[in-house]
């Protein structure tokens, strides 16, 4: 099942899980089903991250064009609060964010289009995230915007300071950031 969010092109996907006494089976991505729904992606890489404790925040990240990435994000162990921020110039939802809890239990996925910032915070220890991307990682095109930008004002479900990488700690606020995305990248 595909659900819209307040941000155009950013979607929640709920793959079916077929469960029995042995466990479950789920088709989490199908080119045929996606294309029938009008979603055309050529995923080229799967990424997997694990965070040992709750309160680890990764983001807000992006890959600049021509290496911009769409992402299909899911949590396969524990739980995260996953966030997408629309930074497409000219978009009616520019600077707005959407967040959702993704967990091993709820089996939801978040489709983050190109032209969006992406980040998540772990809600449980041992959270594992797997996400597909449609362009390979490029260090030269990698960037970040401040996770706590006051103009974006994401309501992160955490108390106190999260655990951050040096890259995320040094990321600029949106107003000081040079946006590499063209209109609706």
C-alpha atoms as a PDB file:
ATOM      1  CA  UNK A   1       0.000   0.000   0.000  1.00  0.00           C
ATOM      2  CA  UNK A   2       1.237   3.492  -0.905  1.00  0.00           C
ATOM      3  CA  UNK A   3       0.291   6.524   1.217  1.00  0.00           C
ATOM      4  CA  UNK A   4       0.908  10.166   0.425  1.00  0.00           C
ATOM      5  CA  UNK A   5       2.464  12.600   2.897  1.00  0.00           C
ATOM      6  CA  UNK A   6       2.088  16.404   3.097  1.00  0.00           C
ATOM      7  CA  UNK A   7       5.253  16.649   0.923  1.00  0.00           C
ATOM      8  CA  UNK A   8       4.720  15.972  -2.780  1.00  0.00           C
ATOM      9  CA  UNK A   9       6.511  12.830  -3.996  1.00  0.00           C
ATOM     10  CA  UNK A  10       7.563  11.784  -0.468  1.00  0.00           C
ATOM     11  CA  UNK A  11       5.621   8.590   0.238  1.00  0.00           C
ATOM     12  CA  UNK A  12       4.998   5.975   2.912  1.00  0.00           C
ATOM     13  CA  UNK A  13       5.057   2.402   1.625  1.00  0.00           C
ATOM     14  CA  UNK A  14       3.550  -0.471   3.583  1.00  0.00           C
ATOM     15  CA  UNK A  15       4.645  -3.782   2.053  1.00  0.00           C
ATOM     16  CA  UNK A  16       2.459  -6.783   2.799  1.00  0.00           C
ATOM     17  CA  UNK A  17       3.788  -9.301   5.307  1.00  0.00           C
ATOM     18  CA  UNK A  18       2.628 -12.874   4.983  1.00  0.00           C
ATOM     19  CA  UNK A  19       3.050 -14.510   8.393  1.00  0.00           C
ATOM     20  CA  UNK A  20       2.638 -18.032   9.645  1.00  0.00           C
ATOM     21  CA  UNK A  21       4.097 -20.226  12.383  1.00  0.00           C
ATOM     22  CA  UNK A  22       7.505 -20.231  10.629  1.00  0.00           C
ATOM     23  CA  UNK A  23       7.839 -16.434  10.504  1.00  0.00           C
ATOM     24  CA  UNK A  24       7.031 -14.090   7.613  1.00  0.00           C
ATOM     25  CA  UNK A  25       7.719 -13.294   3.969  1.00  0.00           C
ATOM     26  CA  UNK A  26       7.524  -9.799   2.489  1.00  0.00           C
ATOM     27  CA  UNK A  27       8.161  -8.403  -0.975  1.00  0.00           C
ATOM     28  CA  UNK A  28       9.614  -5.045   0.097  1.00  0.00           C
ATOM     29  CA  UNK A  29      10.302  -3.768  -3.422  1.00  0.00           C
ATOM     30  CA  UNK A  30       9.078  -4.876  -6.824  1.00  0.00           C
ATOM     31  CA  UNK A  31       9.960  -3.027 -10.020  1.00  0.00           C
ATOM     32  CA  UNK A  32       6.714  -4.258 -11.606  1.00  0.00           C
ATOM     33  CA  UNK A  33       4.518  -3.078  -8.721  1.00  0.00           C
ATOM     34  CA  UNK A  34       6.324   0.263  -8.368  1.00  0.00           C
ATOM     35  CA  UNK A  35       6.094   1.005 -12.082  1.00  0.00           C
ATOM     36  CA  UNK A  36       2.401   0.055 -12.138  1.00  0.00           C
ATOM     37  CA  UNK A  37       1.949   2.713  -9.415  1.00  0.00           C
ATOM     38  CA  UNK A  38       3.875   5.287 -11.486  1.00  0.00           C
ATOM     39  CA  UNK A  39       7.085   5.033  -9.452  1.00  0.00           C
ATOM     40  CA  UNK A  40      10.130   4.571 -11.674  1.00  0.00           C
ATOM     41  CA  UNK A  41      13.423   3.996  -9.869  1.00  0.00           C
ATOM     42  CA  UNK A  42      16.572   2.206 -10.903  1.00  0.00           C
ATOM     43  CA  UNK A  43      17.988   1.279  -7.497  1.00  0.00           C
ATOM     44  CA  UNK A  44      21.733   0.718  -7.759  1.00  0.00           C
ATOM     45  CA  UNK A  45      22.950   0.318  -4.178  1.00  0.00           C
ATOM     46  CA  UNK A  46      21.705  -0.950  -0.820  1.00  0.00           C
ATOM     47  CA  UNK A  47      23.080   0.643   2.360  1.00  0.00           C
ATOM     48  CA  UNK A  48      22.850  -0.756   5.893  1.00  0.00           C
ATOM     49  CA  UNK A  49      23.567   1.128   9.116  1.00  0.00           C
ATOM     50  CA  UNK A  50      23.438   0.042  12.745  1.00  0.00           C
ATOM     51  CA  UNK A  51      23.422   2.346  15.741  1.00  0.00           C
ATOM     52  CA  UNK A  52      24.339   0.808  19.065  1.00  0.00           C
ATOM     53  CA  UNK A  53      22.306   3.175  21.239  1.00  0.00           C
ATOM     54  CA  UNK A  54      19.115   5.228  21.216  1.00  0.00           C
ATOM     55  CA  UNK A  55      19.599   8.931  20.445  1.00  0.00           C
ATOM     56  CA  UNK A  56      22.033   8.548  17.536  1.00  0.00           C
ATOM     57  CA  UNK A  57      21.083  11.142  14.920  1.00  0.00           C
ATOM     58  CA  UNK A  58      22.246  10.851  11.317  1.00  0.00           C
ATOM     59  CA  UNK A  59      21.409  13.784   9.082  1.00  0.00           C
ATOM     60  CA  UNK A  60      20.200  15.902   7.543  1.00  0.00           C
ATOM     61  CA  UNK A  61      22.081  14.495   4.536  1.00  0.00           C
ATOM     62  CA  UNK A  62      21.912  14.840   0.768  1.00  0.00           C
ATOM     63  CA  UNK A  63      23.882  14.074  -2.377  1.00  0.00           C
ATOM     64  CA  UNK A  64      24.144  17.041  -4.764  1.00  0.00           C
ATOM     65  CA  UNK A  65      23.415  16.722  -8.493  1.00  0.00           C
ATOM     66  CA  UNK A  66      24.470  15.050 -10.676  1.00  0.00           C
ATOM     67  CA  UNK A  67      24.792  12.378  -7.952  1.00  0.00           C
ATOM     68  CA  UNK A  68      21.499  13.239  -6.201  1.00  0.00           C
ATOM     69  CA  UNK A  69      19.799  10.211  -4.690  1.00  0.00           C
ATOM     70  CA  UNK A  70      16.262   9.056  -4.119  1.00  0.00           C
ATOM     71  CA  UNK A  71      16.092   6.704  -1.108  1.00  0.00           C
ATOM     72  CA  UNK A  72      13.765   3.932  -0.002  1.00  0.00           C
ATOM     73  CA  UNK A  73      14.339   3.631   3.757  1.00  0.00           C
ATOM     74  CA  UNK A  74      13.253   0.888   6.154  1.00  0.00           C
ATOM     75  CA  UNK A  75      14.154  -0.116   9.693  1.00  0.00           C
ATOM     76  CA  UNK A  76      14.779  -3.853  10.107  1.00  0.00           C
ATOM     77  CA  UNK A  77      15.731  -3.911  13.813  1.00  0.00           C
ATOM     78  CA  UNK A  78      14.483  -1.596  16.546  1.00  0.00           C
ATOM     79  CA  UNK A  79      12.917   1.754  15.665  1.00  0.00           C
ATOM     80  CA  UNK A  80      13.858   5.146  14.215  1.00  0.00           C
ATOM     81  CA  UNK A  81      12.185   8.515  13.623  1.00  0.00           C
ATOM     82  CA  UNK A  82      12.829   9.147   9.921  1.00  0.00           C
ATOM     83  CA  UNK A  83      12.629  12.646   8.437  1.00  0.00           C
ATOM     84  CA  UNK A  84      12.554  14.142   4.938  1.00  0.00           C
ATOM     85  CA  UNK A  85      12.850  17.891   4.256  1.00  0.00           C
ATOM     86  CA  UNK A  86      11.828  19.339   0.883  1.00  0.00           C
ATOM     87  CA  UNK A  87      14.588  21.634  -0.442  1.00  0.00           C
ATOM     88  CA  UNK A  88      13.506  21.735  -4.094  1.00  0.00           C
ATOM     89  CA  UNK A  89      13.545  25.388  -5.202  1.00  0.00           C
ATOM     90  CA  UNK A  90      10.078  26.446  -6.289  1.00  0.00           C
ATOM     91  CA  UNK A  91       8.341  23.614  -4.452  1.00  0.00           C
ATOM     92  CA  UNK A  92       5.210  24.746  -2.563  1.00  0.00           C
ATOM     93  CA  UNK A  93       6.485  22.737   0.433  1.00  0.00           C
ATOM     94  CA  UNK A  94      10.069  24.064   0.324  1.00  0.00           C
ATOM     95  CA  UNK A  95      11.628  23.970   3.806  1.00  0.00           C
ATOM     96  CA  UNK A  96       8.858  21.775   5.216  1.00  0.00           C
ATOM     97  CA  UNK A  97       9.509  18.413   6.816  1.00  0.00           C
ATOM     98  CA  UNK A  98       7.723  15.111   7.288  1.00  0.00           C
ATOM     99  CA  UNK A  99       8.618  12.528   9.908  1.00  0.00           C
ATOM    100  CA  UNK A 100       7.450   9.011  10.652  1.00  0.00           C
ATOM    101  CA  UNK A 101       8.423   6.211  12.979  1.00  0.00           C
ATOM    102  CA  UNK A 102       9.842   3.295  11.028  1.00  0.00           C
ATOM    103  CA  UNK A 103      10.334   0.077  12.937  1.00  0.00           C
ATOM    104  CA  UNK A 104      10.887  -3.634  12.533  1.00  0.00           C
ATOM    105  CA  UNK A 105       7.359  -4.039  13.892  1.00  0.00           C
ATOM    106  CA  UNK A 106       5.393  -1.580  11.731  1.00  0.00           C
ATOM    107  CA  UNK A 107       7.321  -2.532   8.531  1.00  0.00           C
ATOM    108  CA  UNK A 108       6.764   0.904   6.978  1.00  0.00           C
ATOM    109  CA  UNK A 109       9.162   2.376   4.430  1.00  0.00           C
ATOM    110  CA  UNK A 110       9.761   6.018   3.558  1.00  0.00           C
ATOM    111  CA  UNK A 111      10.409   6.997  -0.053  1.00  0.00           C
ATOM    112  CA  UNK A 112      12.609  10.124  -0.025  1.00  0.00           C
ATOM    113  CA  UNK A 113      12.850  11.720  -3.495  1.00  0.00           C
ATOM    114  CA  UNK A 114      15.786  13.583  -4.978  1.00  0.00           C
ATOM    115  CA  UNK A 115      15.867  17.188  -3.829  1.00  0.00           C
ATOM    116  CA  UNK A 116      15.140  16.314  -0.202  1.00  0.00           C
ATOM    117  CA  UNK A 117      17.306  16.274   2.896  1.00  0.00           C
ATOM    118  CA  UNK A 118      17.122  13.041   4.871  1.00  0.00           C
ATOM    119  CA  UNK A 119      17.898  12.122   8.452  1.00  0.00           C
ATOM    120  CA  UNK A 120      16.863   9.878  11.291  1.00  0.00           C
ATOM    121  CA  UNK A 121      17.300   9.429  15.018  1.00  0.00           C
ATOM    122  CA  UNK A 122      17.358   6.032  16.686  1.00  0.00           C
ATOM    123  CA  UNK A 123      14.572   5.415  19.188  1.00  0.00           C
ATOM    124  CA  UNK A 124      15.961   2.091  20.408  1.00  0.00           C
ATOM    125  CA  UNK A 125      19.414   0.602  20.941  1.00  0.00           C
ATOM    126  CA  UNK A 126      20.568  -1.638  18.104  1.00  0.00           C
ATOM    127  CA  UNK A 127      18.459   0.059  15.435  1.00  0.00           C
ATOM    128  CA  UNK A 128      19.325  -1.132  11.937  1.00  0.00           C
ATOM    129  CA  UNK A 129      18.355   0.752   8.796  1.00  0.00           C
ATOM    130  CA  UNK A 130      18.523  -0.546   5.241  1.00  0.00           C
ATOM    131  CA  UNK A 131      17.933   1.802   2.351  1.00  0.00           C
ATOM    132  CA  UNK A 132      18.103   1.628  -1.402  1.00  0.00           C
ATOM    133  CA  UNK A 133      19.485   4.517  -3.455  1.00  0.00           C
ATOM    134  CA  UNK A 134      19.252   5.230  -7.165  1.00  0.00           C
ATOM    135  CA  UNK A 135      22.728   6.780  -7.529  1.00  0.00           C
ATOM    136  CA  UNK A 136      26.035   5.635  -6.045  1.00  0.00           C
ATOM    137  CA  UNK A 137      27.604   7.468  -3.120  1.00  0.00           C
ATOM    138  CA  UNK A 138      30.009  10.250  -4.078  1.00  0.00           C
ATOM    139  CA  UNK A 139      32.122  11.907  -1.391  1.00  0.00           C
ATOM    140  CA  UNK A 140      32.491  14.982  -3.634  1.00  0.00           C
ATOM    141  CA  UNK A 141      28.685  15.423  -3.753  1.00  0.00           C
ATOM    142  CA  UNK A 142      27.964  14.573  -0.112  1.00  0.00           C
ATOM    143  CA  UNK A 143      26.570  17.263   2.157  1.00  0.00           C
ATOM    144  CA  UNK A 144      24.511  18.068   5.233  1.00  0.00           C
ATOM    145  CA  UNK A 145      22.284  20.735   6.738  1.00  0.00           C
ATOM    146  CA  UNK A 146      21.948  21.269  10.491  1.00  0.00           C
ATOM    147  CA  UNK A 147      19.639  18.736  12.120  1.00  0.00           C
ATOM    148  CA  UNK A 148      18.374  21.379  14.553  1.00  0.00           C
ATOM    149  CA  UNK A 149      17.837  24.225  12.086  1.00  0.00           C
ATOM    150  CA  UNK A 150      15.428  26.660  13.787  1.00  0.00           C
ATOM    151  CA  UNK A 151      13.773  27.643  10.478  1.00  0.00           C
ATOM    152  CA  UNK A 152      12.921  24.014   9.644  1.00  0.00           C
ATOM    153  CA  UNK A 153      12.054  23.251  13.301  1.00  0.00           C
ATOM    154  CA  UNK A 154      11.870  19.463  13.155  1.00  0.00           C
ATOM    155  CA  UNK A 155      10.155  18.029  16.234  1.00  0.00           C
ATOM    156  CA  UNK A 156      12.716  15.313  16.934  1.00  0.00           C
ATOM    157  CA  UNK A 157      11.340  12.896  19.574  1.00  0.00           C
ATOM    158  CA  UNK A 158      14.438  13.078  21.785  1.00  0.00           C
ATOM    159  CA  UNK A 159      15.455  14.721  25.023  1.00  0.00           C
ATOM    160  CA  UNK A 160      18.772  16.519  25.247  1.00  0.00           C
ATOM    161  CA  UNK A 161      21.551  16.403  22.700  1.00  0.00           C
ATOM    162  CA  UNK A 162      21.723  13.476  20.290  1.00  0.00           C
ATOM    163  CA  UNK A 163      24.909  11.612  19.463  1.00  0.00           C
ATOM    164  CA  UNK A 164      26.241  13.202  16.248  1.00  0.00           C
ATOM    165  CA  UNK A 165      29.111  12.738  13.812  1.00  0.00           C
ATOM    166  CA  UNK A 166      31.549  15.628  13.360  1.00  0.00           C
ATOM    167  CA  UNK A 167      30.074  16.196   9.880  1.00  0.00           C
ATOM    168  CA  UNK A 168      26.570  16.594  11.324  1.00  0.00           C
ATOM    169  CA  UNK A 169      27.765  18.766  14.205  1.00  0.00           C
ATOM    170  CA  UNK A 170      29.391  21.196  11.699  1.00  0.00           C
ATOM    171  CA  UNK A 171      26.500  21.287   9.167  1.00  0.00           C
ATOM    172  CA  UNK A 172      25.203  24.798   8.365  1.00  0.00           C
ATOM    173  CA  UNK A 173      21.627  25.990   8.886  1.00  0.00           C
ATOM    174  CA  UNK A 174      19.384  26.117   5.818  1.00  0.00           C
ATOM    175  CA  UNK A 175      19.646  29.935   5.543  1.00  0.00           C
ATOM    176  CA  UNK A 176      23.480  29.710   5.239  1.00  0.00           C
ATOM    177  CA  UNK A 177      23.438  26.718   2.893  1.00  0.00           C
ATOM    178  CA  UNK A 178      24.035  26.925  -0.853  1.00  0.00           C
ATOM    179  CA  UNK A 179      21.254  24.854  -2.385  1.00  0.00           C
ATOM    180  CA  UNK A 180      22.624  22.639  -5.199  1.00  0.00           C
ATOM    181  CA  UNK A 181      19.189  21.515  -6.405  1.00  0.00           C
ATOM    182  CA  UNK A 182      17.472  23.092  -9.398  1.00  0.00           C
ATOM    183  CA  UNK A 183      13.711  23.511  -9.608  1.00  0.00           C
ATOM    184  CA  UNK A 184      12.172  20.136  -8.738  1.00  0.00           C
ATOM    185  CA  UNK A 185      15.415  18.132  -9.113  1.00  0.00           C
END
